Amino acid sequence: MRAVDSKEFEASMSEEIDRMWDNNIFEIIKKKDVLPGHTILRSVWTHRRKTTPDGNIYRHRSRLCADGSTQKYGLDYNETYSPVVMWSTVRTIFILGTVLNWSSRKVDYVHAFPQATLDKNEHIYMHLPRGFHVDDSTHRSEYILKLKKNLYGLKQASYNWSELLKSGLLQLRFKQSQVDPCLYYMRGSSPGTLQGILGAHVDDTVTGGSGQKYNDAIAYLKAKFPYRKWRIGSGEFCGTMYTQNPENKEITASQEH
């Protein structure tokens, strides 16, 4: 790496590998133990300089990904489709929030895809990435990684995360809409009443609601899925800034670009 801030990126790479060890994302095995017919995927690093609105760098972010371009259908993966919430649904969520006097909540989950465990029949192997150290360094080329959990770049990564989030929401007594599969709603105790609603767009969600059951569900989501920030009231969702009036709960949307 020849960038002027290469040391910062190398430090972020080490942090990423340590985080993956902590979360049991993979295990080290020998190449000879790869199941017949399976491809060893290439490992890829992506790097990003995160900046403030005035252009100052405040964070160096490195993400370890798998190159899923060589995965084989029926062997390395099956399902790949992952729906996203419709924008008409997002508008409906905001309208309901205004009518029912709910504060809008928006959240983006961090490291979302690697939270999902791979199916027991999915055997995914990947070459050791740059900066990854093994104890037997003299025979490093003999070792690879076997993935235990989802990784960005896999063909099934988005599907696996979507199914994990869906499972968590259904356990919390949210119901999945038949009109929009990324819309979940929570009925109130009285017939015909609504206690909460949530829309999911990959690893971003927007929600609103009230009552103990809804608040307990939000507390569970905060505890189960690591997140960057829960924004109550005004906040960004999928690149659009939504500003909510704290008095009448009306929402206005704006985009700089």
Protein backbone atom coordinates (compact mmCIF):
# COMPACT_ATOMS: atom_id res chain seq x y z
CA MET A 1 0.00 0.00 0.00
CA ARG A 2 1.53 3.28 -1.17
CA ALA A 3 -1.02 5.84 -0.03
CA VAL A 4 0.25 8.65 2.18
CA ASP A 5 -2.06 7.40 4.92
CA SER A 6 -1.15 3.74 4.47
CA LYS A 7 -0.32 3.34 8.16
CA GLU A 8 -3.85 4.39 9.09
CA PHE A 9 -5.33 1.88 6.65
CA GLU A 10 -3.04 -0.89 7.90
CA ALA A 11 -4.21 -0.18 11.43
CA SER A 12 -7.85 -0.36 10.31
CA MET A 13 -7.12 -3.69 8.56
CA SER A 14 -5.78 -5.10 11.82
CA GLU A 15 -8.90 -3.87 13.62
CA GLU A 16 -11.12 -5.55 11.02
CA ILE A 17 -9.33 -8.89 11.38
CA ASP A 18 -9.47 -8.70 15.19
CA ARG A 19 -13.19 -7.93 15.03
CA MET A 20 -13.76 -10.96 12.81
CA TRP A 21 -11.89 -13.19 15.21
CA ASP A 22 -13.96 -11.83 18.08
CA ASN A 23 -17.18 -12.57 16.17
CA ASN A 24 -16.15 -16.06 15.04
CA ILE A 25 -16.47 -15.21 11.33
CA PHE A 26 -14.00 -17.83 10.12
CA GLU A 27 -11.53 -20.51 11.06
CA ILE A 28 -8.10 -21.41 9.66
CA ILE A 29 -7.81 -24.76 7.90
CA LYS A 30 -5.33 -26.39 5.54
CA LYS A 31 -5.91 -26.38 1.79
CA LYS A 32 -5.86 -30.16 1.74
CA ASP A 33 -9.05 -30.19 3.83
CA VAL A 34 -11.15 -28.35 1.23
CA LEU A 35 -14.12 -30.42 0.09
CA PRO A 36 -13.87 -31.70 -3.51
CA GLY A 37 -15.25 -29.39 -6.18
CA HIS A 38 -15.27 -26.26 -4.05
CA THR A 39 -13.52 -23.07 -5.15
CA ILE A 40 -11.22 -21.12 -2.86
CA LEU A 41 -12.39 -17.55 -3.21
CA ARG A 42 -10.09 -14.60 -3.48
CA SER A 43 -10.02 -12.24 -0.49
CA VAL A 44 -10.42 -8.54 -1.19
CA TRP A 45 -9.79 -5.45 0.91
CA THR A 46 -11.85 -2.32 0.35
CA HIS A 47 -10.73 0.97 1.88
CA ARG A 48 -12.58 4.20 2.48
CA ARG A 49 -11.69 7.57 3.91
CA LYS A 50 -14.70 8.88 5.81
CA THR A 51 -14.90 12.64 5.81
CA THR A 52 -16.84 15.42 7.49
CA PRO A 53 -19.04 17.73 5.37
CA ASP A 54 -16.10 20.13 5.04
CA GLY A 55 -13.84 17.40 3.67
CA ASN A 56 -11.70 16.56 6.70
CA ILE A 57 -10.88 12.87 7.18
CA TYR A 58 -12.12 11.59 10.53
CA ARG A 59 -11.86 7.84 10.02
CA HIS A 60 -10.10 5.25 7.88
CA ARG A 61 -12.33 2.25 7.20
CA SER A 62 -11.13 -1.11 5.86
CA ARG A 63 -13.49 -3.97 5.08
CA LEU A 64 -12.54 -7.55 4.33
CA CYS A 65 -14.65 -9.01 1.53
CA ALA A 66 -14.85 -12.22 -0.44
CA ASP A 67 -14.71 -12.23 -4.23
CA GLY A 68 -17.91 -14.11 -4.94
CA SER A 69 -17.52 -13.95 -8.74
CA THR A 70 -16.19 -17.53 -8.85
CA GLN A 71 -18.88 -19.08 -6.62
CA LYS A 72 -20.77 -21.99 -8.15
CA TYR A 73 -24.56 -22.09 -8.00
CA GLY A 74 -25.87 -25.15 -6.15
CA LEU A 75 -22.50 -25.76 -4.54
CA ASP A 76 -21.35 -22.50 -2.91
CA TYR A 77 -24.73 -20.77 -2.80
CA ASN A 78 -28.43 -21.12 -3.60
CA GLU A 79 -30.69 -18.20 -2.70
CA THR A 80 -29.50 -14.68 -3.48
CA TYR A 81 -32.61 -12.50 -3.76
CA SER A 82 -33.03 -9.86 -1.07
CA PRO A 83 -35.92 -7.39 -1.31
CA VAL A 84 -35.72 -3.74 -0.23
CA VAL A 85 -38.51 -1.55 1.08
CA MET A 86 -40.51 0.35 -1.53
CA TRP A 87 -40.33 4.14 -1.37
CA SER A 88 -44.10 4.34 -1.31
CA THR A 89 -43.89 2.26 1.88
CA VAL A 90 -41.33 4.65 3.39
CA ARG A 91 -43.68 7.56 2.73
CA THR A 92 -46.55 5.60 4.29
CA ILE A 93 -44.47 4.97 7.43
CA PHE A 94 -43.79 8.70 7.80
CA ILE A 95 -47.44 9.60 7.16
CA LEU A 96 -48.64 7.11 9.78
CA GLY A 97 -46.07 8.45 12.22
CA THR A 98 -47.40 11.97 11.75
CA VAL A 99 -51.05 10.91 12.09
CA LEU A 100 -50.39 8.75 15.16
CA ASN A 101 -47.97 11.25 16.75
CA TRP A 102 -44.96 8.90 16.62
CA SER A 103 -41.35 9.98 16.63
CA SER A 104 -39.51 8.56 13.63
CA ARG A 105 -36.56 6.27 14.38
CA LYS A 106 -33.86 5.53 11.85
CA VAL A 107 -30.91 3.18 12.26
CA ASP A 108 -28.08 1.79 10.18
CA TYR A 109 -26.61 -1.46 11.44
CA VAL A 110 -22.84 -1.86 11.42
CA HIS A 111 -21.18 -4.98 10.01
CA ALA A 112 -24.67 -6.27 9.22
CA PHE A 113 -23.89 -9.05 6.75
CA PRO A 114 -21.29 -10.88 8.91
CA GLN A 115 -23.88 -11.21 11.68
CA ALA A 116 -25.69 -13.90 9.69
CA THR A 117 -24.49 -17.49 10.01
CA LEU A 118 -23.95 -19.47 6.83
CA ASP A 119 -26.25 -22.40 6.13
CA LYS A 120 -24.82 -25.70 7.38
CA ASN A 121 -24.69 -26.92 3.78
CA GLU A 122 -22.71 -23.91 2.58
CA HIS A 123 -18.98 -24.57 2.59
CA ILE A 124 -17.17 -21.36 1.68
CA TYR A 125 -13.38 -21.15 1.52
CA MET A 126 -11.23 -18.06 1.05
CA HIS A 127 -7.53 -17.33 0.60
CA LEU A 128 -5.77 -15.59 3.47
CA PRO A 129 -5.99 -11.81 3.05
CA ARG A 130 -3.09 -9.41 3.06
CA GLY A 131 -2.05 -8.62 6.62
CA PHE A 132 -3.38 -11.90 8.01
CA HIS A 133 -0.86 -13.75 10.15
CA VAL A 134 -0.69 -17.45 10.99
CA ASP A 135 1.47 -19.14 13.59
CA ASP A 136 3.10 -21.39 11.00
CA SER A 137 4.33 -18.47 8.92
CA THR A 138 6.90 -20.50 6.99
CA HIS A 139 4.07 -22.57 5.46
CA ARG A 140 1.54 -19.74 5.12
CA SER A 141 0.58 -20.79 1.58
CA GLU A 142 -0.79 -24.08 2.93
CA TYR A 143 -3.53 -22.38 4.93
CA ILE A 144 -6.86 -20.82 3.98
CA LEU A 145 -9.98 -19.57 5.75
CA LYS A 146 -13.25 -21.46 6.05
CA LEU A 147 -16.12 -19.03 6.61
CA LYS A 148 -18.60 -19.68 9.40
CA LYS A 149 -20.63 -16.53 8.86
CA ASN A 150 -21.67 -14.23 6.09
CA LEU A 151 -19.12 -11.98 4.44
CA TYR A 152 -19.52 -8.99 2.15
CA GLY A 153 -18.98 -10.04 -1.46
CA LEU A 154 -20.66 -13.45 -1.23
CA LYS A 155 -23.55 -13.91 -3.63
CA GLN A 156 -25.86 -14.95 -0.79
CA ALA A 157 -24.69 -12.30 1.68
CA SER A 158 -27.63 -9.92 1.32
CA TYR A 159 -30.15 -12.77 1.38
CA ASN A 160 -28.70 -14.27 4.57
CA TRP A 161 -28.78 -10.90 6.38
CA SER A 162 -32.35 -10.26 5.20
CA GLU A 163 -33.47 -13.61 6.57
CA LEU A 164 -31.72 -12.99 9.90
CA LEU A 165 -33.41 -9.59 10.34
CA LYS A 166 -36.77 -11.05 9.27
CA SER A 167 -36.45 -13.88 11.81
CA GLY A 168 -35.67 -11.41 14.59
CA LEU A 169 -38.64 -9.18 13.74
CA LEU A 170 -41.08 -12.09 13.57
CA GLN A 171 -39.90 -13.29 16.98
CA LEU A 172 -40.76 -9.83 18.30
CA ARG A 173 -44.36 -10.30 17.10
CA PHE A 174 -44.03 -8.05 14.09
CA LYS A 175 -46.07 -9.25 11.12
CA GLN A 176 -44.69 -9.22 7.58
CA SER A 177 -46.77 -7.36 5.03
CA GLN A 178 -48.07 -9.30 2.03
CA VAL A 179 -47.85 -6.15 -0.10
CA ASP A 180 -44.25 -5.20 0.70
CA PRO A 181 -42.05 -7.98 2.16
CA CYS A 182 -39.80 -5.35 3.77
CA LEU A 183 -42.66 -3.79 5.72
CA TYR A 184 -43.34 -5.14 9.21
CA TYR A 185 -46.13 -4.04 11.51
CA MET A 186 -47.13 -4.68 15.11
CA ARG A 187 -50.81 -4.78 16.02
CA GLY A 188 -52.13 -3.17 19.17
CA SER A 189 -54.11 -4.94 21.88
CA SER A 190 -57.41 -3.54 20.58
CA PRO A 191 -58.81 -4.78 17.24
CA GLY A 192 -57.80 -2.61 14.28
CA THR A 193 -55.10 -0.69 16.16
CA LEU A 194 -51.45 -0.34 15.19
CA GLN A 195 -48.66 -0.21 17.75
CA GLY A 196 -45.60 -0.09 15.52
CA ILE A 197 -44.35 -0.23 11.96
CA LEU A 198 -40.90 -0.82 10.41
CA GLY A 199 -39.39 -0.71 6.93
CA ALA A 200 -36.08 -2.41 6.06
CA HIS A 201 -33.72 -1.40 3.26
CA VAL A 202 -30.82 -3.87 3.50
CA ASP A 203 -29.02 -2.72 6.69
CA ASP A 204 -30.99 0.51 7.14
CA THR A 205 -34.37 0.58 8.87
CA VAL A 206 -36.96 3.23 9.60
CA THR A 207 -39.59 2.67 12.25
CA GLY A 208 -42.16 4.32 14.49
CA GLY A 209 -44.49 3.21 17.23
CA SER A 210 -45.51 3.49 20.85
CA GLY A 211 -46.43 1.35 23.85
CA GLN A 212 -44.55 -1.12 26.01
CA LYS A 213 -44.57 -3.97 23.47
CA TYR A 214 -43.09 -1.76 20.79
CA ASN A 215 -40.51 -0.23 23.14
CA ASP A 216 -39.46 -3.71 24.29
CA ALA A 217 -39.02 -4.74 20.66
CA ILE A 218 -36.81 -1.73 19.93
CA ALA A 219 -34.73 -2.49 23.05
CA TYR A 220 -34.26 -6.06 21.80
CA LEU A 221 -33.15 -4.90 18.34
CA LYS A 222 -30.62 -2.54 19.93
CA ALA A 223 -29.21 -5.37 22.02
CA LYS A 224 -29.15 -7.99 19.24
CA PHE A 225 -27.82 -6.08 16.25
CA PRO A 226 -24.83 -3.72 16.58
CA TYR A 227 -25.65 -0.31 15.17
CA ARG A 228 -23.92 2.98 14.45
CA LYS A 229 -26.65 5.22 15.82
CA TRP A 230 -30.37 5.23 16.46
CA ARG A 231 -31.65 8.60 15.30
CA ILE A 232 -34.94 9.68 16.89
CA GLY A 233 -36.91 12.39 15.13
CA SER A 234 -34.74 13.95 12.44
CA GLY A 235 -32.07 11.91 10.68
CA GLU A 236 -30.81 10.40 7.44
CA PHE A 237 -32.26 7.32 5.79
CA CYS A 238 -30.77 5.90 2.58
CA GLY A 239 -29.13 9.15 1.55
CA THR A 240 -32.09 11.42 2.26
CA MET A 241 -32.34 13.73 5.26
CA TYR A 242 -35.72 13.64 7.01
CA THR A 243 -36.48 16.48 9.42
CA GLN A 244 -39.31 15.90 11.89
CA ASN A 245 -41.13 18.69 13.67
CA PRO A 246 -41.07 17.69 17.38
CA GLU A 247 -44.48 19.29 17.98
CA ASN A 248 -46.77 18.02 15.22
CA LYS A 249 -44.46 15.19 13.98
CA GLU A 250 -44.63 16.39 10.38
CA ILE A 251 -41.65 15.33 8.26
CA THR A 252 -39.89 17.07 5.39
CA ALA A 253 -37.30 15.42 3.14
CA SER A 254 -34.24 16.97 1.50
CA GLN A 255 -31.22 15.87 -0.52
CA GLU A 256 -28.08 17.86 -1.23
CA HIS A 257 -27.29 15.93 -4.42
